[in-house]
């Protein structure tokens, strides 16, 4: 196996390592039963499951058509992005990093009536296939809000900023892409015309455009997902997310989600050389 693919179950990215450094080791880590319940109450279990949907973009990143593999591609995705595998990975990390106090704080909010209604729509949004309808609907909602200069826009902005207060999403997305491309190159699937340092520099040159795109997409998604909630409820959610304890929880959960995504994309790259184009009959 190429050296680029000899990775432990969790190979810490720079972003992930920084998050761990910023959050002190918990005095009392949460046990497995609490963690599994936490994943369900907060909807993080569904957020992890939705990572599988991102695999649709994997072949395009390598210049490969997923349809060329027929049912083999679906089988690969279902195996590599198995829900149980990703949840166990998440619990392994959270069990070492998420204190019982932070877990309880987040779980208490999401267990409330408002919290459970939020989780329900977030779960639906996570698992909704991106066929353009959600994006178009969200964009239409935002356009309508702008036309009347609605104060809801500011509330949605607070909401999206609170879930990514340190702007880690951009760095994490770049890390996922770099690790996937380097793993694919190491497996002989593609031949890169630049080394890792040049690849990272090329991505940095596009950061402003990517940052704007991420922010716009986050607003559009929030407008669509929370359209049935009142301004007061959206504001209450924003306030809950802005709490210092919830900020620590979200920084960790975001890091865990992106780390698992990168790890699973690397696993896909490792198995691509063994796949053959097929025709479904």
Protein backbone atom coordinates (compact mmCIF):
# COMPACT_ATOMS: atom_id res chain seq x y z
CA UNK A 1 0.00 0.00 0.00
CA UNK A 2 1.39 3.47 -0.92
CA UNK A 3 2.71 5.49 2.00
CA UNK A 4 0.08 8.19 1.43
CA UNK A 5 -2.60 5.67 2.34
CA UNK A 6 -0.98 4.20 5.44
CA UNK A 7 -3.11 6.22 7.79
CA UNK A 8 -4.48 5.44 11.24
CA UNK A 9 -8.25 5.38 11.69
CA UNK A 10 -8.16 9.06 12.60
CA UNK A 11 -5.33 11.03 11.01
CA UNK A 12 -5.59 14.47 12.59
CA UNK A 13 -5.78 17.36 10.17
CA UNK A 14 -4.36 20.74 11.08
CA UNK A 15 -7.85 22.11 11.68
CA UNK A 16 -8.84 19.16 13.82
CA UNK A 17 -5.63 19.31 15.85
CA UNK A 18 -6.13 23.01 16.52
CA UNK A 19 -9.64 22.38 17.79
CA UNK A 20 -8.39 19.69 20.15
CA UNK A 21 -5.66 22.00 21.40
CA UNK A 22 -8.20 24.72 22.11
CA UNK A 23 -10.47 22.43 24.10
CA UNK A 24 -8.93 21.05 27.26
CA UNK A 25 -9.17 17.33 27.85
CA UNK A 26 -12.45 16.67 29.66
CA UNK A 27 -12.23 16.02 33.37
CA UNK A 28 -14.96 13.45 32.89
CA UNK A 29 -15.51 12.11 29.40
CA UNK A 30 -18.95 11.04 28.29
CA UNK A 31 -19.62 7.30 28.20
CA UNK A 32 -20.67 5.41 25.07
CA UNK A 33 -24.35 5.16 26.02
CA UNK A 34 -24.58 8.90 26.58
CA UNK A 35 -22.73 9.59 23.36
CA UNK A 36 -25.05 7.44 21.28
CA UNK A 37 -28.07 9.17 22.83
CA UNK A 38 -26.39 12.53 22.24
CA UNK A 39 -25.93 11.79 18.54
CA UNK A 40 -29.63 11.05 18.19
CA UNK A 41 -30.94 13.95 20.29
CA UNK A 42 -28.82 16.54 18.49
CA UNK A 43 -29.30 15.04 15.03
CA UNK A 44 -25.55 14.59 14.65
CA UNK A 45 -26.18 10.95 13.71
CA UNK A 46 -28.10 12.08 10.63
CA UNK A 47 -25.50 14.76 9.85
CA UNK A 48 -22.89 12.00 9.79
CA UNK A 49 -25.08 9.78 7.64
CA UNK A 50 -25.50 12.63 5.15
CA UNK A 51 -21.73 12.59 4.51
CA UNK A 52 -22.51 9.69 2.18
CA UNK A 53 -24.36 12.08 -0.13
CA UNK A 54 -21.18 14.12 -0.57
CA UNK A 55 -19.60 11.08 -2.26
CA UNK A 56 -21.57 11.98 -5.38
CA UNK A 57 -18.98 14.73 -5.96
CA UNK A 58 -15.95 12.47 -5.49
CA UNK A 59 -15.55 11.16 -9.07
CA UNK A 60 -15.92 14.64 -10.57
CA UNK A 61 -13.03 15.87 -8.40
CA UNK A 62 -10.87 13.24 -10.11
CA UNK A 63 -12.25 13.72 -13.61
CA UNK A 64 -14.07 10.37 -13.48
CA UNK A 65 -17.70 9.68 -14.29
CA UNK A 66 -19.40 7.78 -11.46
CA UNK A 67 -21.82 6.24 -13.96
CA UNK A 68 -18.91 4.42 -15.57
CA UNK A 69 -18.78 2.10 -12.56
CA UNK A 70 -22.48 1.30 -12.60
CA UNK A 71 -23.71 -0.43 -9.45
CA UNK A 72 -20.11 -0.88 -8.27
CA UNK A 73 -19.96 2.78 -7.32
CA UNK A 74 -23.11 2.56 -5.20
CA UNK A 75 -21.75 -0.53 -3.47
CA UNK A 76 -18.43 1.19 -2.74
CA UNK A 77 -20.13 4.27 -1.32
CA UNK A 78 -22.48 2.22 0.87
CA UNK A 79 -19.56 0.22 2.27
CA UNK A 80 -17.09 3.05 2.84
CA UNK A 81 -19.68 5.50 4.15
CA UNK A 82 -21.50 2.94 6.29
CA UNK A 83 -23.46 4.77 8.98
CA UNK A 84 -22.31 2.48 11.80
CA UNK A 85 -18.67 3.00 10.87
CA UNK A 86 -18.94 6.77 10.85
CA UNK A 87 -20.89 6.88 14.10
CA UNK A 88 -18.29 4.71 15.84
CA UNK A 89 -15.54 7.00 14.56
CA UNK A 90 -17.42 10.01 15.91
CA UNK A 91 -18.01 8.42 19.29
CA UNK A 92 -14.35 7.43 19.56
CA UNK A 93 -13.29 11.06 19.07
CA UNK A 94 -16.05 12.64 21.13
CA UNK A 95 -15.46 10.16 23.93
CA UNK A 96 -11.95 11.58 24.28
CA UNK A 97 -12.76 15.24 23.76
CA UNK A 98 -16.35 16.10 24.69
CA UNK A 99 -16.81 16.70 28.40
CA UNK A 100 -19.93 15.51 30.15
CA UNK A 101 -20.74 19.13 31.00
CA UNK A 102 -20.68 20.27 27.36
CA UNK A 103 -22.58 17.19 26.23
CA UNK A 104 -25.31 17.83 28.79
CA UNK A 105 -25.56 21.51 27.88
CA UNK A 106 -26.04 20.79 24.16
CA UNK A 107 -28.32 17.80 24.73
CA UNK A 108 -30.57 19.77 27.10
CA UNK A 109 -31.18 22.44 24.47
CA UNK A 110 -31.87 20.01 21.64
CA UNK A 111 -34.12 17.89 23.88
CA UNK A 112 -36.42 20.89 24.39
CA UNK A 113 -39.55 21.34 22.30
CA UNK A 114 -37.87 23.95 20.10
CA UNK A 115 -34.71 21.88 19.90
CA UNK A 116 -36.51 18.75 18.73
CA UNK A 117 -38.45 20.66 16.09
CA UNK A 118 -35.19 22.15 14.87
CA UNK A 119 -33.54 18.73 14.74
CA UNK A 120 -36.47 17.32 12.75
CA UNK A 121 -36.16 19.90 9.96
CA UNK A 122 -32.36 19.78 10.03
CA UNK A 123 -32.44 16.00 9.64
CA UNK A 124 -34.78 16.32 6.66
CA UNK A 125 -32.56 18.98 5.11
CA UNK A 126 -29.40 16.92 5.62
CA UNK A 127 -30.83 13.89 3.83
CA UNK A 128 -32.59 15.74 1.03
CA UNK A 129 -31.02 14.98 -2.32
CA UNK A 130 -29.54 18.12 -3.87
CA UNK A 131 -31.44 18.28 -7.15
CA UNK A 132 -31.44 22.06 -7.24
CA UNK A 133 -34.92 22.45 -5.76
CA UNK A 134 -33.71 23.16 -2.22
CA UNK A 135 -31.18 25.72 -3.44
CA UNK A 136 -33.70 27.39 -5.72
CA UNK A 137 -36.33 27.51 -2.98
CA UNK A 138 -33.87 28.92 -0.45
CA UNK A 139 -32.65 31.52 -2.93
CA UNK A 140 -36.25 32.56 -3.66
CA UNK A 141 -36.93 32.96 0.06
CA UNK A 142 -33.81 35.09 0.49
CA UNK A 143 -34.75 37.25 -2.49
CA UNK A 144 -38.20 37.82 -1.02
CA UNK A 145 -36.69 38.79 2.34
CA UNK A 146 -34.31 41.24 0.66
CA UNK A 147 -37.12 42.88 -1.27
CA UNK A 148 -38.90 43.79 1.95
CA UNK A 149 -35.66 44.46 3.84
CA UNK A 150 -36.70 41.88 6.41
CA UNK A 151 -34.92 41.78 9.79
CA UNK A 152 -35.01 37.98 9.43
CA UNK A 153 -31.95 38.22 7.17
CA UNK A 154 -29.84 39.44 10.09
CA UNK A 155 -31.18 36.61 12.25
CA UNK A 156 -30.26 34.01 9.63
CA UNK A 157 -26.81 35.56 9.33
CA UNK A 158 -26.36 35.29 13.10
CA UNK A 159 -27.44 31.67 12.91
CA UNK A 160 -25.01 30.69 10.15
CA UNK A 161 -22.13 32.62 11.70
CA UNK A 162 -22.71 30.97 15.07
CA UNK A 163 -22.37 27.48 13.58
CA UNK A 164 -19.00 28.37 12.05
CA UNK A 165 -17.78 31.24 14.21
CA UNK A 166 -14.08 30.75 13.47
CA UNK A 167 -14.54 30.20 9.74
CA UNK A 168 -13.18 26.67 9.97
CA UNK A 169 -15.46 25.34 7.22
CA UNK A 170 -13.32 26.83 4.46
CA UNK A 171 -10.11 25.33 5.83
CA UNK A 172 -11.83 22.01 6.44
CA UNK A 173 -13.23 21.79 2.90
CA UNK A 174 -9.78 22.54 1.50
CA UNK A 175 -8.30 19.84 3.73
CA UNK A 176 -10.85 17.26 2.56
CA UNK A 177 -10.06 18.07 -1.07
CA UNK A 178 -6.29 17.96 -0.58
CA UNK A 179 -6.34 14.69 1.32
CA UNK A 180 -8.61 13.07 -1.26
CA UNK A 181 -6.52 14.22 -4.22
CA UNK A 182 -3.24 13.21 -2.56
CA UNK A 183 -4.68 9.81 -1.60
CA UNK A 184 -5.94 9.27 -5.16
CA UNK A 185 -2.52 10.22 -6.54
CA UNK A 186 -0.81 7.91 -4.06
CA UNK A 187 -3.07 5.07 -5.16
CA UNK A 188 -2.21 5.69 -8.80
CA UNK A 189 -5.76 6.73 -9.72
CA UNK A 190 -4.70 10.17 -10.97
CA UNK A 191 -1.45 11.94 -11.76
CA UNK A 192 -1.10 15.36 -10.18
CA UNK A 193 0.84 18.05 -12.00
CA UNK A 194 1.70 19.81 -8.74
CA UNK A 195 2.93 18.75 -5.33
CA UNK A 196 0.91 19.12 -2.14
CA UNK A 197 2.37 22.54 -1.27
CA UNK A 198 1.48 23.94 -4.70
CA UNK A 199 -1.99 22.40 -4.49
CA UNK A 200 -2.62 24.10 -1.16
CA UNK A 201 -1.32 27.40 -2.51
CA UNK A 202 -3.64 27.15 -5.52
CA UNK A 203 -6.57 26.65 -3.17
CA UNK A 204 -5.50 29.58 -1.00
CA UNK A 205 -5.60 31.82 -4.07
CA UNK A 206 -9.31 31.01 -4.40
CA UNK A 207 -10.19 31.51 -0.73
CA UNK A 208 -12.07 34.80 -1.10
CA UNK A 209 -14.37 33.38 -3.75
CA UNK A 210 -14.88 30.16 -1.79
CA UNK A 211 -15.60 32.03 1.44
CA UNK A 212 -18.28 34.11 -0.26
CA UNK A 213 -19.79 31.00 -1.83
CA UNK A 214 -19.86 29.14 1.50
CA UNK A 215 -21.52 32.08 3.25
CA UNK A 216 -24.13 32.49 0.50
CA UNK A 217 -24.90 28.77 0.44
CA UNK A 218 -25.22 28.69 4.23
CA UNK A 219 -27.74 31.55 4.17
CA UNK A 220 -29.74 29.96 1.36
CA UNK A 221 -29.82 26.63 3.18
CA UNK A 222 -30.84 28.26 6.46
CA UNK A 223 -33.63 30.23 4.78
CA UNK A 224 -35.00 27.00 3.33
CA UNK A 225 -34.51 24.79 6.39
CA UNK A 226 -36.00 27.16 8.99
CA UNK A 227 -38.75 28.71 6.88
CA UNK A 228 -41.49 27.36 9.16
CA UNK A 229 -39.97 28.93 12.29
CA UNK A 230 -40.88 32.38 13.57
CA UNK A 231 -38.34 35.18 13.84
CA UNK A 232 -38.47 34.78 17.61
CA UNK A 233 -37.63 31.09 17.37
CA UNK A 234 -34.76 31.72 14.95
CA UNK A 235 -33.41 34.38 17.30
CA UNK A 236 -33.70 32.00 20.26
CA UNK A 237 -31.74 29.40 18.29
CA UNK A 238 -29.06 31.94 17.38
CA UNK A 239 -28.72 32.95 21.03
CA UNK A 240 -28.38 29.31 22.07
CA UNK A 241 -25.66 28.71 19.48
CA UNK A 242 -23.79 31.88 20.47
CA UNK A 243 -23.40 30.63 24.05
CA UNK A 244 -19.70 29.99 24.79
CA UNK A 245 -20.36 26.37 25.72
CA UNK A 246 -22.29 25.69 22.53
CA UNK A 247 -19.51 27.34 20.54
CA UNK A 248 -17.06 24.78 21.92
CA UNK A 249 -19.48 21.97 21.09
CA UNK A 250 -19.97 23.15 17.52
CA UNK A 251 -16.27 23.72 16.92
CA UNK A 252 -15.66 20.13 17.95
CA UNK A 253 -18.62 18.66 16.06
CA UNK A 254 -17.65 20.50 12.87
CA UNK A 255 -14.07 19.27 13.19
CA UNK A 256 -15.23 15.70 13.79
CA UNK A 257 -17.59 15.76 10.81
CA UNK A 258 -14.96 17.07 8.41
CA UNK A 259 -12.31 14.70 9.75
CA UNK A 260 -14.58 11.72 9.15
CA UNK A 261 -15.42 13.03 5.69
CA UNK A 262 -11.73 13.32 4.79
CA UNK A 263 -10.99 9.89 6.23
CA UNK A 264 -13.78 8.26 4.24
CA UNK A 265 -12.78 10.02 1.01
CA UNK A 266 -9.27 8.68 1.50
CA UNK A 267 -10.78 5.21 1.90
CA UNK A 268 -12.64 5.66 -1.39
CA UNK A 269 -9.40 6.67 -3.13
CA UNK A 270 -7.65 3.59 -1.77
CA UNK A 271 -10.25 1.28 -3.29
CA UNK A 272 -10.67 2.95 -6.67
CA UNK A 273 -7.74 1.09 -8.32
CA UNK A 274 -9.56 -2.21 -7.75
CA UNK A 275 -12.77 -1.03 -9.36
CA UNK A 276 -13.61 -1.75 -12.96
CA UNK A 277 -16.15 0.04 -15.15
CA UNK A 278 -19.32 -2.02 -15.38
CA UNK A 279 -22.60 -2.12 -17.22
CA UNK A 280 -25.83 -2.72 -15.35
CA UNK A 281 -28.16 -5.11 -17.14
